[in-house]
Amino acid sequence: MLNKKKQLLLITTRQKLIAGIGEGLSLHFEISVSNSLHTGYNQALKLLPDIILVDYISF
């Protein structure tokens, strides 16, 4: 049985958050990372991810 991964876009500058989320969700999600809101917006338009997670604390 094929398990199709969902797309997650993570917008943050914190490396610990990226590593933690990547470690915990890599089995179920294909994770893309952007380090600014501007590039994250452009990536979201291209990828059309299932989930977009914005870390407001890092900005």
C-alpha atoms as a PDB file:
ATOM      1  CA  MET A   1       0.000   0.000   0.000  1.00  0.00           C
ATOM      2  CA  LEU A   2       1.386   3.371  -0.974  1.00  0.00           C
ATOM      3  CA  ASN A   3       1.275   6.085   1.633  1.00  0.00           C
ATOM      4  CA  LYS A   4       1.105   9.474  -0.066  1.00  0.00           C
ATOM      5  CA  LYS A   5       2.875  12.153   1.958  1.00  0.00           C
ATOM      6  CA  LYS A   6       1.220  15.501   2.498  1.00  0.00           C
ATOM      7  CA  GLN A   7       3.055  18.760   1.826  1.00  0.00           C
ATOM      8  CA  LEU A   8       4.093  21.001   4.758  1.00  0.00           C
ATOM      9  CA  LEU A   9       5.557  24.477   4.291  1.00  0.00           C
ATOM     10  CA  LEU A  10       7.447  25.725   7.336  1.00  0.00           C
ATOM     11  CA  ILE A  11       8.258  29.454   7.458  1.00  0.00           C
ATOM     12  CA  THR A  12      10.837  30.115  10.181  1.00  0.00           C
ATOM     13  CA  THR A  13      14.443  31.103  10.806  1.00  0.00           C
ATOM     14  CA  ARG A  14      14.935  28.899  13.880  1.00  0.00           C
ATOM     15  CA  GLN A  15      17.052  25.824  13.111  1.00  0.00           C
ATOM     16  CA  LYS A  16      15.986  23.948  16.257  1.00  0.00           C
ATOM     17  CA  LEU A  17      12.335  24.207  15.227  1.00  0.00           C
ATOM     18  CA  ILE A  18      13.126  23.008  11.704  1.00  0.00           C
ATOM     19  CA  ALA A  19      15.077  20.027  13.046  1.00  0.00           C
ATOM     20  CA  GLY A  20      12.416  19.098  15.595  1.00  0.00           C
ATOM     21  CA  ILE A  21       9.527  19.247  13.174  1.00  0.00           C
ATOM     22  CA  GLY A  22      11.503  17.482  10.466  1.00  0.00           C
ATOM     23  CA  GLU A  23      12.429  14.693  12.848  1.00  0.00           C
ATOM     24  CA  GLY A  24       8.889  14.207  14.104  1.00  0.00           C
ATOM     25  CA  LEU A  25       6.897  14.543  10.897  1.00  0.00           C
ATOM     26  CA  SER A  26       9.191  13.290   8.137  1.00  0.00           C
ATOM     27  CA  LEU A  27       7.305   9.995   7.841  1.00  0.00           C
ATOM     28  CA  HIS A  28       3.984  11.661   7.071  1.00  0.00           C
ATOM     29  CA  PHE A  29       4.923  14.974   5.463  1.00  0.00           C
ATOM     30  CA  GLU A  30       7.199  16.242   2.739  1.00  0.00           C
ATOM     31  CA  ILE A  31       8.643  19.347   4.406  1.00  0.00           C
ATOM     32  CA  SER A  32       9.706  22.523   2.624  1.00  0.00           C
ATOM     33  CA  VAL A  33      11.367  25.350   4.541  1.00  0.00           C
ATOM     34  CA  SER A  34      11.434  29.065   3.855  1.00  0.00           C
ATOM     35  CA  ASN A  35      13.191  31.657   6.006  1.00  0.00           C
ATOM     36  CA  SER A  36      11.120  34.731   5.122  1.00  0.00           C
ATOM     37  CA  LEU A  37       7.460  35.528   4.635  1.00  0.00           C
ATOM     38  CA  HIS A  38       8.058  36.869   1.130  1.00  0.00           C
ATOM     39  CA  THR A  39       9.750  33.742  -0.202  1.00  0.00           C
ATOM     40  CA  GLY A  40       7.331  31.577   1.781  1.00  0.00           C
ATOM     41  CA  TYR A  41       4.409  33.205  -0.011  1.00  0.00           C
ATOM     42  CA  ASN A  42       5.992  32.516  -3.403  1.00  0.00           C
ATOM     43  CA  GLN A  43       6.738  28.921  -2.432  1.00  0.00           C
ATOM     44  CA  ALA A  44       3.160  28.435  -1.247  1.00  0.00           C
ATOM     45  CA  LEU A  45       1.856  29.564  -4.629  1.00  0.00           C
ATOM     46  CA  LYS A  46       4.121  27.075  -6.415  1.00  0.00           C
ATOM     47  CA  LEU A  47       3.749  24.084  -4.082  1.00  0.00           C
ATOM     48  CA  LEU A  48       0.149  24.487  -2.896  1.00  0.00           C
ATOM     49  CA  PRO A  49       0.984  22.776   0.420  1.00  0.00           C
ATOM     50  CA  ASP A  50      -1.584  21.055   2.619  1.00  0.00           C
ATOM     51  CA  ILE A  51      -0.315  22.879   5.717  1.00  0.00           C
ATOM     52  CA  ILE A  52       1.556  26.171   6.130  1.00  0.00           C
ATOM     53  CA  LEU A  53       3.181  26.749   9.512  1.00  0.00           C
ATOM     54  CA  VAL A  54       4.401  30.311  10.187  1.00  0.00           C
ATOM     55  CA  ASP A  55       6.660  30.884  13.206  1.00  0.00           C
ATOM     56  CA  TYR A  56       5.901  34.509  14.142  1.00  0.00           C
ATOM     57  CA  ILE A  57       8.393  34.458  17.039  1.00  0.00           C
ATOM     58  CA  SER A  58      11.357  34.194  14.658  1.00  0.00           C
ATOM     59  CA  PHE A  59      10.330  37.375  12.858  1.00  0.00           C
END
